[in-house]
Amino acid sequence: MTMNPSSELLLVVTSFPKLEDAQAMARKLVENRLAACVQIQEGIHSIYHWDGKVCEEKEVLLSAKTVADKWLEISDFIKSHHPYDLPEVLGFHPEKYEEQYGKWVQAEVK
């Protein structure tokens, strides 16, 4: 699929301490047209270094479908509305996706 780089699909991933936090963020991202669709997955078990120690926490994973030219706006929005001091905000370009789905995502985030 050949597309304008700014309209390429982007999957943005972040995690939350509670389901309610993830649901609130998902709703805001969709309502503000920063994401066309957001999926929430409970039951994530994270192990990480923080403040000099190894921590283990249950988390909720949020995956938002958007386009590349929304990266700065969506990452800034997540950081400014996130309960963590340093939230994980990752962006991935899907290697392949169904063309009609891609057009739908693009239309929803304009």
PDB file of N, CA and C in Angstrom:
ATOM      1  N   MET A   1       0.845  -1.175   0.000  1.00  0.00           N
ATOM      2  CA  MET A   1       0.000   0.000   0.000  1.00  0.00           C
ATOM      3  C   MET A   1       0.890   1.238   0.000  1.00  0.00           C
ATOM      4  N   THR A   2       0.736   2.130  -0.968  1.00  0.00           N
ATOM      5  CA  THR A   2       1.495   3.368  -1.042  1.00  0.00           C
ATOM      6  C   THR A   2       0.640   4.492  -0.484  1.00  0.00           C
ATOM      7  N   MET A   3       1.197   5.195   0.499  1.00  0.00           N
ATOM      8  CA  MET A   3       0.438   6.270   1.129  1.00  0.00           C
ATOM      9  C   MET A   3       1.355   7.433   1.446  1.00  0.00           C
ATOM     10  N   ASN A   4       0.773   8.562   1.667  1.00  0.00           N
ATOM     11  CA  ASN A   4       1.488   9.721   2.160  1.00  0.00           C
ATOM     12  C   ASN A   4       2.013   9.380   3.556  1.00  0.00           C
ATOM     13  N   PRO A   5       3.308   9.610   3.848  1.00  0.00           N
ATOM     14  CA  PRO A   5       3.851   9.243   5.167  1.00  0.00           C
ATOM     15  C   PRO A   5       3.083   9.839   6.341  1.00  0.00           C
ATOM     16  N   SER A   6       2.524  11.031   6.198  1.00  0.00           N
ATOM     17  CA  SER A   6       1.800  11.643   7.311  1.00  0.00           C
ATOM     18  C   SER A   6       0.462  10.968   7.570  1.00  0.00           C
ATOM     19  N   SER A   7      -0.073  10.254   6.569  1.00  0.00           N
ATOM     20  CA  SER A   7      -1.356   9.586   6.762  1.00  0.00           C
ATOM     21  C   SER A   7      -1.202   8.083   6.991  1.00  0.00           C
ATOM     22  N   GLU A   8       0.037   7.600   7.118  1.00  0.00           N
ATOM     23  CA  GLU A   8       0.256   6.187   7.420  1.00  0.00           C
ATOM     24  C   GLU A   8      -0.343   5.855   8.780  1.00  0.00           C
ATOM     25  N   LEU A   9      -0.832   4.648   8.895  1.00  0.00           N
ATOM     26  CA  LEU A   9      -1.400   4.238  10.177  1.00  0.00           C
ATOM     27  C   LEU A   9      -0.321   4.152  11.243  1.00  0.00           C
ATOM     28  N   LEU A  10      -0.735   4.446  12.461  1.00  0.00           N
ATOM     29  CA  LEU A  10       0.154   4.399  13.613  1.00  0.00           C
ATOM     30  C   LEU A  10      -0.603   3.750  14.756  1.00  0.00           C
ATOM     31  N   LEU A  11       0.021   2.786  15.413  1.00  0.00           N
ATOM     32  CA  LEU A  11      -0.534   2.152  16.599  1.00  0.00           C
ATOM     33  C   LEU A  11       0.202   2.738  17.794  1.00  0.00           C
ATOM     34  N   VAL A  12      -0.528   3.407  18.677  1.00  0.00           N
ATOM     35  CA  VAL A  12       0.065   4.034  19.857  1.00  0.00           C
ATOM     36  C   VAL A  12      -0.306   3.193  21.072  1.00  0.00           C
ATOM     37  N   VAL A  13       0.701   2.846  21.867  1.00  0.00           N
ATOM     38  CA  VAL A  13       0.520   1.958  23.013  1.00  0.00           C
ATOM     39  C   VAL A  13       0.958   2.668  24.286  1.00  0.00           C
ATOM     40  N   THR A  14       0.161   2.507  25.338  1.00  0.00           N
ATOM     41  CA  THR A  14       0.512   3.005  26.661  1.00  0.00           C
ATOM     42  C   THR A  14      -0.138   2.083  27.692  1.00  0.00           C
ATOM     43  N   SER A  15       0.253   2.216  28.950  1.00  0.00           N
ATOM     44  CA  SER A  15      -0.314   1.363  29.997  1.00  0.00           C
ATOM     45  C   SER A  15      -0.786   2.222  31.162  1.00  0.00           C
ATOM     46  N   PHE A  16      -1.730   1.670  31.925  1.00  0.00           N
ATOM     47  CA  PHE A  16      -2.353   2.387  33.037  1.00  0.00           C
ATOM     48  C   PHE A  16      -2.421   1.498  34.275  1.00  0.00           C
ATOM     49  N   PRO A  17      -2.478   2.117  35.452  1.00  0.00           N
ATOM     50  CA  PRO A  17      -2.573   1.329  36.676  1.00  0.00           C
ATOM     51  C   PRO A  17      -3.962   0.732  36.896  1.00  0.00           C
ATOM     52  N   LYS A  18      -5.010   1.398  36.367  1.00  0.00           N
ATOM     53  CA  LYS A  18      -6.380   0.951  36.612  1.00  0.00           C
ATOM     54  C   LYS A  18      -7.208   0.983  35.330  1.00  0.00           C
ATOM     55  N   LEU A  19      -8.177   0.090  35.255  1.00  0.00           N
ATOM     56  CA  LEU A  19      -9.083   0.029  34.114  1.00  0.00           C
ATOM     57  C   LEU A  19      -9.788   1.363  33.897  1.00  0.00           C
ATOM     58  N   GLU A  20     -10.242   1.987  34.967  1.00  0.00           N
ATOM     59  CA  GLU A  20     -10.976   3.249  34.852  1.00  0.00           C
ATOM     60  C   GLU A  20     -10.123   4.331  34.195  1.00  0.00           C
ATOM     61  N   ASP A  21      -8.829   4.358  34.511  1.00  0.00           N
ATOM     62  CA  ASP A  21      -7.920   5.335  33.893  1.00  0.00           C
ATOM     63  C   ASP A  21      -7.809   5.092  32.393  1.00  0.00           C
ATOM     64  N   ALA A  22      -7.665   3.836  32.008  1.00  0.00           N
ATOM     65  CA  ALA A  22      -7.544   3.484  30.590  1.00  0.00           C
ATOM     66  C   ALA A  22      -8.839   3.801  29.841  1.00  0.00           C
ATOM     67  N   GLN A  23      -9.979   3.506  30.453  1.00  0.00           N
ATOM     68  CA  GLN A  23     -11.262   3.789  29.809  1.00  0.00           C
ATOM     69  C   GLN A  23     -11.464   5.287  29.608  1.00  0.00           C
ATOM     70  N   ALA A  24     -11.101   6.077  30.605  1.00  0.00           N
ATOM     71  CA  ALA A  24     -11.239   7.535  30.489  1.00  0.00           C
ATOM     72  C   ALA A  24     -10.349   8.065  29.371  1.00  0.00           C
ATOM     73  N   MET A  25      -9.115   7.581  29.296  1.00  0.00           N
ATOM     74  CA  MET A  25      -8.206   8.024  28.242  1.00  0.00           C
ATOM     75  C   MET A  25      -8.725   7.596  26.871  1.00  0.00           C
ATOM     76  N   ALA A  26      -9.183   6.366  26.753  1.00  0.00           N
ATOM     77  CA  ALA A  26      -9.697   5.867  25.477  1.00  0.00           C
ATOM     78  C   ALA A  26     -10.836   6.745  24.974  1.00  0.00           C
ATOM     79  N   ARG A  27     -11.752   7.056  25.852  1.00  0.00           N
ATOM     80  CA  ARG A  27     -12.894   7.888  25.470  1.00  0.00           C
ATOM     81  C   ARG A  27     -12.429   9.272  25.016  1.00  0.00           C
ATOM     82  N   LYS A  28     -11.486   9.875  25.747  1.00  0.00           N
ATOM     83  CA  LYS A  28     -10.981  11.207  25.377  1.00  0.00           C
ATOM     84  C   LYS A  28     -10.280  11.176  24.021  1.00  0.00           C
ATOM     85  N   LEU A  29      -9.492  10.142  23.778  1.00  0.00           N
ATOM     86  CA  LEU A  29      -8.770  10.048  22.505  1.00  0.00           C
ATOM     87  C   LEU A  29      -9.733   9.940  21.327  1.00  0.00           C
ATOM     88  N   VAL A  30     -10.784   9.146  21.481  1.00  0.00           N
ATOM     89  CA  VAL A  30     -11.755   8.982  20.400  1.00  0.00           C
ATOM     90  C   VAL A  30     -12.611  10.240  20.253  1.00  0.00           C
ATOM     91  N   GLU A  31     -13.098  10.788  21.366  1.00  0.00           N
ATOM     92  CA  GLU A  31     -13.931  11.993  21.306  1.00  0.00           C
ATOM     93  C   GLU A  31     -13.188  13.169  20.682  1.00  0.00           C
ATOM     94  N   ASN A  32     -11.888  13.284  20.946  1.00  0.00           N
ATOM     95  CA  ASN A  32     -11.076  14.377  20.404  1.00  0.00           C
ATOM     96  C   ASN A  32     -10.501  14.056  19.024  1.00  0.00           C
ATOM     97  N   ARG A  33     -10.922  12.936  18.455  1.00  0.00           N
ATOM     98  CA  ARG A  33     -10.485  12.496  17.123  1.00  0.00           C
ATOM     99  C   ARG A  33      -8.972  12.364  17.003  1.00  0.00           C
ATOM    100  N   LEU A  34      -8.339  11.999  18.115  1.00  0.00           N
ATOM    101  CA  LEU A  34      -6.912  11.685  18.095  1.00  0.00           C
ATOM    102  C   LEU A  34      -6.702  10.225  17.730  1.00  0.00           C
ATOM    103  N   ALA A  35      -7.731   9.414  17.932  1.00  0.00           N
ATOM    104  CA  ALA A  35      -7.690   7.992  17.583  1.00  0.00           C
ATOM    105  C   ALA A  35      -9.040   7.591  17.007  1.00  0.00           C
ATOM    106  N   ALA A  36      -9.012   6.703  16.030  1.00  0.00           N
ATOM    107  CA  ALA A  36     -10.253   6.189  15.443  1.00  0.00           C
ATOM    108  C   ALA A  36     -10.840   5.083  16.302  1.00  0.00           C
ATOM    109  N   CYS A  37      -9.979   4.330  16.939  1.00  0.00           N
ATOM    110  CA  CYS A  37     -10.384   3.172  17.728  1.00  0.00           C
ATOM    111  C   CYS A  37      -9.341   2.951  18.818  1.00  0.00           C
ATOM    112  N   VAL A  38      -9.807   2.569  19.993  1.00  0.00           N
ATOM    113  CA  VAL A  38      -8.895   2.257  21.091  1.00  0.00           C
ATOM    114  C   VAL A  38      -9.318   0.926  21.693  1.00  0.00           C
ATOM    115  N   GLN A  39      -8.356   0.055  21.891  1.00  0.00           N
ATOM    116  CA  GLN A  39      -8.613  -1.224  22.547  1.00  0.00           C
ATOM    117  C   GLN A  39      -7.932  -1.222  23.910  1.00  0.00           C
ATOM    118  N   ILE A  40      -8.579  -1.863  24.863  1.00  0.00           N
ATOM    119  CA  ILE A  40      -8.078  -1.939  26.233  1.00  0.00           C
ATOM    120  C   ILE A  40      -7.946  -3.410  26.604  1.00  0.00           C
ATOM    121  N   GLN A  41      -6.792  -3.752  27.144  1.00  0.00           N
ATOM    122  CA  GLN A  41      -6.538  -5.141  27.535  1.00  0.00           C
ATOM    123  C   GLN A  41      -6.120  -5.176  28.997  1.00  0.00           C
ATOM    124  N   GLU A  42      -6.920  -5.857  29.805  1.00  0.00           N
ATOM    125  CA  GLU A  42      -6.592  -6.019  31.220  1.00  0.00           C
ATOM    126  C   GLU A  42      -5.660  -7.213  31.402  1.00  0.00           C
ATOM    127  N   GLY A  43      -5.100  -7.320  32.612  1.00  0.00           N
ATOM    128  CA  GLY A  43      -4.322  -8.497  32.972  1.00  0.00           C
ATOM    129  C   GLY A  43      -2.868  -8.463  32.563  1.00  0.00           C
ATOM    130  N   ILE A  44      -2.338  -7.294  32.292  1.00  0.00           N
ATOM    131  CA  ILE A  44      -0.924  -7.172  31.950  1.00  0.00           C
ATOM    132  C   ILE A  44      -0.120  -7.195  33.248  1.00  0.00           C
ATOM    133  N   HIS A  45       0.941  -7.953  33.271  1.00  0.00           N
ATOM    134  CA  HIS A  45       1.823  -8.025  34.438  1.00  0.00           C
ATOM    135  C   HIS A  45       3.161  -7.412  34.036  1.00  0.00           C
ATOM    136  N   SER A  46       3.498  -6.270  34.627  1.00  0.00           N
ATOM    137  CA  SER A  46       4.719  -5.548  34.256  1.00  0.00           C
ATOM    138  C   SER A  46       5.776  -5.670  35.343  1.00  0.00           C
ATOM    139  N   ILE A  47       7.011  -5.863  34.919  1.00  0.00           N
ATOM    140  CA  ILE A  47       8.172  -5.890  35.811  1.00  0.00           C
ATOM    141  C   ILE A  47       9.148  -4.866  35.267  1.00  0.00           C
ATOM    142  N   TYR A  48       9.575  -3.927  36.115  1.00  0.00           N
ATOM    143  CA  TYR A  48      10.397  -2.812  35.636  1.00  0.00           C
ATOM    144  C   TYR A  48      11.232  -2.220  36.773  1.00  0.00           C
ATOM    145  N   HIS A  49      12.263  -1.478  36.394  1.00  0.00           N
ATOM    146  CA  HIS A  49      13.065  -0.722  37.355  1.00  0.00           C
ATOM    147  C   HIS A  49      12.424   0.639  37.572  1.00  0.00           C
ATOM    148  N   TRP A  50      12.322   1.082  38.829  1.00  0.00           N
ATOM    149  CA  TRP A  50      11.835   2.426  39.130  1.00  0.00           C
ATOM    150  C   TRP A  50      12.408   2.853  40.481  1.00  0.00           C
ATOM    151  N   ASP A  51      13.005   4.027  40.516  1.00  0.00           N
ATOM    152  CA  ASP A  51      13.605   4.569  41.744  1.00  0.00           C
ATOM    153  C   ASP A  51      14.576   3.586  42.396  1.00  0.00           C
ATOM    154  N   GLY A  52      15.392   2.929  41.581  1.00  0.00           N
ATOM    155  CA  GLY A  52      16.436   2.060  42.091  1.00  0.00           C
ATOM    156  C   GLY A  52      16.004   0.682  42.545  1.00  0.00           C
ATOM    157  N   LYS A  53      14.764   0.309  42.285  1.00  0.00           N
ATOM    158  CA  LYS A  53      14.329  -1.030  42.682  1.00  0.00           C
ATOM    159  C   LYS A  53      13.506  -1.670  41.574  1.00  0.00           C
ATOM    160  N   VAL A  54      13.383  -2.986  41.663  1.00  0.00           N
ATOM    161  CA  VAL A  54      12.569  -3.728  40.704  1.00  0.00           C
ATOM    162  C   VAL A  54      11.134  -3.762  41.226  1.00  0.00           C
ATOM    163  N   CYS A  55      10.205  -3.351  40.386  1.00  0.00           N
ATOM    164  CA  CYS A  55       8.791  -3.291  40.757  1.00  0.00           C
ATOM    165  C   CYS A  55       7.993  -4.274  39.907  1.00  0.00           C
ATOM    166  N   GLU A  56       6.896  -4.752  40.463  1.00  0.00           N
ATOM    167  CA  GLU A  56       5.952  -5.603  39.735  1.00  0.00           C
ATOM    168  C   GLU A  56       4.558  -5.056  39.981  1.00  0.00           C
ATOM    169  N   GLU A  57       3.825  -4.850  38.899  1.00  0.00           N
ATOM    170  CA  GLU A  57       2.477  -4.288  39.000  1.00  0.00           C
ATOM    171  C   GLU A  57       1.559  -4.917  37.961  1.00  0.00           C
ATOM    172  N   LYS A  58       0.287  -4.978  38.296  1.00  0.00           N
ATOM    173  CA  LYS A  58      -0.725  -5.298  37.296  1.00  0.00           C
ATOM    174  C   LYS A  58      -1.055  -3.997  36.580  1.00  0.00           C
ATOM    175  N   GLU A  59      -1.176  -4.073  35.259  1.00  0.00           N
ATOM    176  CA  GLU A  59      -1.493  -2.886  34.480  1.00  0.00           C
ATOM    177  C   GLU A  59      -2.547  -3.210  33.430  1.00  0.00           C
ATOM    178  N   VAL A  60      -3.027  -2.156  32.812  1.00  0.00           N
ATOM    179  CA  VAL A  60      -4.005  -2.244  31.736  1.00  0.00           C
ATOM    180  C   VAL A  60      -3.358  -1.626  30.506  1.00  0.00           C
ATOM    181  N   LEU A  61      -3.368  -2.348  29.391  1.00  0.00           N
ATOM    182  CA  LEU A  61      -2.730  -1.887  28.164  1.00  0.00           C
ATOM    183  C   LEU A  61      -3.756  -1.214  27.259  1.00  0.00           C
ATOM    184  N   LEU A  62      -3.394  -0.060  26.726  1.00  0.00           N
ATOM    185  CA  LEU A  62      -4.245   0.683  25.805  1.00  0.00           C
ATOM    186  C   LEU A  62      -3.546   0.758  24.456  1.00  0.00           C
ATOM    187  N   SER A  63      -4.259   0.417  23.389  1.00  0.00           N
ATOM    188  CA  SER A  63      -3.728   0.489  22.021  1.00  0.00           C
ATOM    189  C   SER A  63      -4.658   1.367  21.201  1.00  0.00           C
ATOM    190  N   ALA A  64      -4.117   2.460  20.660  1.00  0.00           N
ATOM    191  CA  ALA A  64      -4.919   3.415  19.897  1.00  0.00           C
ATOM    192  C   ALA A  64      -4.502   3.402  18.434  1.00  0.00           C
ATOM    193  N   LYS A  65      -5.491   3.378  17.535  1.00  0.00           N
ATOM    194  CA  LYS A  65      -5.223   3.420  16.094  1.00  0.00           C
ATOM    195  C   LYS A  65      -5.400   4.847  15.608  1.00  0.00           C
ATOM    196  N   THR A  66      -4.352   5.389  14.980  1.00  0.00           N
ATOM    197  CA  THR A  66      -4.363   6.758  14.495  1.00  0.00           C
ATOM    198  C   THR A  66      -3.501   6.837  13.239  1.00  0.00           C
ATOM    199  N   VAL A  67      -3.094   8.054  12.867  1.00  0.00           N
ATOM    200  CA  VAL A  67      -2.201   8.254  11.722  1.00  0.00           C
ATOM    201  C   VAL A  67      -0.942   8.981  12.193  1.00  0.00           C
ATOM    202  N   ALA A  68       0.116   8.855  11.409  1.00  0.00           N
ATOM    203  CA  ALA A  68       1.431   9.371  11.799  1.00  0.00           C
ATOM    204  C   ALA A  68       1.432  10.864  12.096  1.00  0.00           C
ATOM    205  N   ASP A  69       0.656  11.650  11.350  1.00  0.00           N
ATOM    206  CA  ASP A  69       0.699  13.090  11.597  1.00  0.00           C
ATOM    207  C   ASP A  69       0.003  13.504  12.887  1.00  0.00           C
ATOM    208  N   LYS A  70      -0.604  12.567  13.596  1.00  0.00           N
ATOM    209  CA  LYS A  70      -1.194  12.838  14.912  1.00  0.00           C
ATOM    210  C   LYS A  70      -0.238  12.490  16.059  1.00  0.00           C
ATOM    211  N   TRP A  71       0.968  11.978  15.741  1.00  0.00           N
ATOM    212  CA  TRP A  71       1.881  11.485  16.772  1.00  0.00           C
ATOM    213  C   TRP A  71       2.153  12.516  17.865  1.00  0.00           C
ATOM    214  N   LEU A  72       2.587  13.699  17.515  1.00  0.00           N
ATOM    215  CA  LEU A  72       2.923  14.697  18.542  1.00  0.00           C
ATOM    216  C   LEU A  72       1.703  15.075  19.362  1.00  0.00           C
ATOM    217  N   GLU A  73       0.581  15.263  18.707  1.00  0.00           N
ATOM    218  CA  GLU A  73      -0.634  15.653  19.407  1.00  0.00           C
ATOM    219  C   GLU A  73      -1.116  14.557  20.361  1.00  0.00           C
ATOM    220  N   ILE A  74      -1.125  13.310  19.897  1.00  0.00           N
ATOM    221  CA  ILE A  74      -1.619  12.227  20.750  1.00  0.00           C
ATOM    222  C   ILE A  74      -0.637  11.922  21.884  1.00  0.00           C
ATOM    223  N   SER A  75       0.666  11.961  21.599  1.00  0.00           N
ATOM    224  CA  SER A  75       1.635  11.675  22.667  1.00  0.00           C
ATOM    225  C   SER A  75       1.611  12.781  23.720  1.00  0.00           C
ATOM    226  N   ASP A  76       1.504  14.037  23.308  1.00  0.00           N
ATOM    227  CA  ASP A  76       1.392  15.139  24.277  1.00  0.00           C
ATOM    228  C   ASP A  76       0.113  15.023  25.095  1.00  0.00           C
ATOM    229  N   PHE A  77      -0.988  14.662  24.448  1.00  0.00           N
ATOM    230  CA  PHE A  77      -2.267  14.512  25.137  1.00  0.00           C
ATOM    231  C   PHE A  77      -2.186  13.406  26.187  1.00  0.00           C
ATOM    232  N   ILE A  78      -1.629  12.268  25.803  1.00  0.00           N
ATOM    233  CA  ILE A  78      -1.499  11.155  26.746  1.00  0.00           C
ATOM    234  C   ILE A  78      -0.638  11.571  27.934  1.00  0.00           C
ATOM    235  N   LYS A  79       0.518  12.170  27.670  1.00  0.00           N
ATOM    236  CA  LYS A  79       1.417  12.571  28.765  1.00  0.00           C
ATOM    237  C   LYS A  79       0.752  13.571  29.703  1.00  0.00           C
ATOM    238  N   SER A  80      -0.025  14.495  29.169  1.00  0.00           N
ATOM    239  CA  SER A  80      -0.624  15.527  30.017  1.00  0.00           C
ATOM    240  C   SER A  80      -1.853  15.042  30.786  1.00  0.00           C
ATOM    241  N   HIS A  81      -2.431  13.910  30.406  1.00  0.00           N
ATOM    242  CA  HIS A  81      -3.619  13.384  31.085  1.00  0.00           C
ATOM    243  C   HIS A  81      -3.370  12.024  31.748  1.00  0.00           C
ATOM    244  N   HIS A  82      -2.127  11.625  31.873  1.00  0.00           N
ATOM    245  CA  HIS A  82      -1.784  10.293  32.374  1.00  0.00           C
ATOM    246  C   HIS A  82      -1.476  10.334  33.866  1.00  0.00           C
ATOM    247  N   PRO A  83      -1.873   9.311  34.624  1.00  0.00           N
ATOM    248  CA  PRO A  83      -1.584   9.298  36.060  1.00  0.00           C
ATOM    249  C   PRO A  83      -0.116   9.018  36.403  1.00  0.00           C
ATOM    250  N   TYR A  84       0.649   8.430  35.482  1.00  0.00           N
ATOM    251  CA  TYR A  84       2.056   8.144  35.764  1.00  0.00           C
ATOM    252  C   TYR A  84       2.916   9.386  35.542  1.00  0.00           C
ATOM    253  N   ASP A  85       4.003   9.510  36.314  1.00  0.00           N
ATOM    254  CA  ASP A  85       4.967  10.599  36.130  1.00  0.00           C
ATOM    255  C   ASP A  85       5.674  10.482  34.782  1.00  0.00           C
ATOM    256  N   LEU A  86       5.996   9.257  34.394  1.00  0.00           N
ATOM    257  CA  LEU A  86       6.691   9.002  33.132  1.00  0.00           C
ATOM    258  C   LEU A  86       5.965   7.873  32.392  1.00  0.00           C
ATOM    259  N   PRO A  87       4.894   8.201  31.686  1.00  0.00           N
ATOM    260  CA  PRO A  87       4.141   7.139  31.018  1.00  0.00           C
ATOM    261  C   PRO A  87       4.863   6.587  29.800  1.00  0.00           C
ATOM    262  N   GLU A  88       4.655   5.322  29.574  1.00  0.00           N
ATOM    263  CA  GLU A  88       5.100   4.668  28.341  1.00  0.00           C
ATOM    264  C   GLU A  88       4.188   5.178  27.222  1.00  0.00           C
ATOM    265  N   VAL A  89       4.782   5.743  26.184  1.00  0.00           N
ATOM    266  CA  VAL A  89       4.016   6.134  25.000  1.00  0.00           C
ATOM    267  C   VAL A  89       4.848   5.697  23.794  1.00  0.00           C
ATOM    268  N   LEU A  90       4.407   4.632  23.148  1.00  0.00           N
ATOM    269  CA  LEU A  90       5.140   4.049  22.026  1.00  0.00           C
ATOM    270  C   LEU A  90       4.292   4.123  20.765  1.00  0.00           C
ATOM    271  N   GLY A  91       4.940   4.359  19.637  1.00  0.00           N
ATOM    272  CA  GLY A  91       4.242   4.385  18.356  1.00  0.00           C
ATOM    273  C   GLY A  91       4.844   3.383  17.392  1.00  0.00           C
ATOM    274  N   PHE A  92       3.988   2.595  16.752  1.00  0.00           N
ATOM    275  CA  PHE A  92       4.419   1.569  15.801  1.00  0.00           C
ATOM    276  C   PHE A  92       3.648   1.727  14.495  1.00  0.00           C
ATOM    277  N   HIS A  93       4.358   1.597  13.390  1.00  0.00           N
ATOM    278  CA  HIS A  93       3.701   1.570  12.084  1.00  0.00           C
ATOM    279  C   HIS A  93       3.422   0.118  11.726  1.00  0.00           C
ATOM    280  N   PRO A  94       2.153  -0.239  11.505  1.00  0.00           N
ATOM    281  CA  PRO A  94       1.876  -1.599  11.057  1.00  0.00           C
ATOM    282  C   PRO A  94       2.473  -1.824   9.673  1.00  0.00           C
ATOM    283  N   GLU A  95       3.111  -2.950   9.500  1.00  0.00           N
ATOM    284  CA  GLU A  95       3.718  -3.268   8.211  1.00  0.00           C
ATOM    285  C   GLU A  95       2.658  -3.449   7.128  1.00  0.00           C
ATOM    286  N   LYS A  96       1.546  -4.063   7.519  1.00  0.00           N
ATOM    287  CA  LYS A  96       0.458  -4.305   6.574  1.00  0.00           C
ATOM    288  C   LYS A  96      -0.869  -4.108   7.293  1.00  0.00           C
ATOM    289  N   TYR A  97      -1.845  -3.656   6.530  1.00  0.00           N
ATOM    290  CA  TYR A  97      -3.200  -3.537   7.057  1.00  0.00           C
ATOM    291  C   TYR A  97      -4.171  -3.502   5.885  1.00  0.00           C
ATOM    292  N   GLU A  98      -5.402  -3.827   6.157  1.00  0.00           N
ATOM    293  CA  GLU A  98      -6.437  -3.868   5.138  1.00  0.00           C
ATOM    294  C   GLU A  98      -6.738  -2.437   4.680  1.00  0.00           C
ATOM    295  N   GLU A  99      -6.772  -2.216   3.388  1.00  0.00           N
ATOM    296  CA  GLU A  99      -6.881  -0.868   2.814  1.00  0.00           C
ATOM    297  C   GLU A  99      -8.121  -0.108   3.283  1.00  0.00           C
ATOM    298  N   GLN A 100      -9.267  -0.751   3.297  1.00  0.00           N
ATOM    299  CA  GLN A 100     -10.496  -0.063   3.715  1.00  0.00           C
ATOM    300  C   GLN A 100     -10.438   0.328   5.191  1.00  0.00           C
ATOM    301  N   TYR A 101      -9.824  -0.515   6.015  1.00  0.00           N
ATOM    302  CA  TYR A 101      -9.652  -0.171   7.430  1.00  0.00           C
ATOM    303  C   TYR A 101      -8.765   1.066   7.557  1.00  0.00           C
ATOM    304  N   GLY A 102      -7.684   1.108   6.797  1.00  0.00           N
ATOM    305  CA  GLY A 102      -6.795   2.262   6.824  1.00  0.00           C
ATOM    306  C   GLY A 102      -7.505   3.541   6.432  1.00  0.00           C
ATOM    307  N   LYS A 103      -8.349   3.469   5.409  1.00  0.00           N
ATOM    308  CA  LYS A 103      -9.114   4.646   4.982  1.00  0.00           C
ATOM    309  C   LYS A 103     -10.089   5.086   6.068  1.00  0.00           C
ATOM    310  N   TRP A 104     -10.697   4.114   6.752  1.00  0.00           N
ATOM    311  CA  TRP A 104     -11.616   4.439   7.842  1.00  0.00           C
ATOM    312  C   TRP A 104     -10.881   5.166   8.965  1.00  0.00           C
ATOM    313  N   VAL A 105      -9.717   4.656   9.372  1.00  0.00           N
ATOM    314  CA  VAL A 105      -8.933   5.313  10.426  1.00  0.00           C
ATOM    315  C   VAL A 105      -8.607   6.744  10.008  1.00  0.00           C
ATOM    316  N   GLN A 106      -8.120   6.918   8.800  1.00  0.00           N
ATOM    317  CA  GLN A 106      -7.761   8.252   8.312  1.00  0.00           C
ATOM    318  C   GLN A 106      -8.954   9.203   8.353  1.00  0.00           C
ATOM    319  N   ALA A 107     -10.112   8.731   7.939  1.00  0.00           N
ATOM    320  CA  ALA A 107     -11.308   9.573   7.927  1.00  0.00           C
ATOM    321  C   ALA A 107     -11.751   9.954   9.333  1.00  0.00           C
ATOM    322  N   GLU A 108     -11.602   9.051  10.288  1.00  0.00           N
ATOM    323  CA  GLU A 108     -12.077   9.302  11.650  1.00  0.00           C
ATOM    324  C   GLU A 108     -11.197  10.259  12.442  1.00  0.00           C
ATOM    325  N   VAL A 109      -9.941  10.383  12.084  1.00  0.00           N
ATOM    326  CA  VAL A 109      -9.043  11.252  12.865  1.00  0.00           C
ATOM    327  C   VAL A 109      -8.811  12.609  12.208  1.00  0.00           C
ATOM    328  N   LYS A 110      -9.546  12.913  11.148  1.00  0.00           N
ATOM    329  CA  LYS A 110      -9.398  14.225  10.495  1.00  0.00           C
ATOM    330  C   LYS A 110     -10.180  15.283  11.219  1.00  0.00           C
TER     331      LYS A 110
END
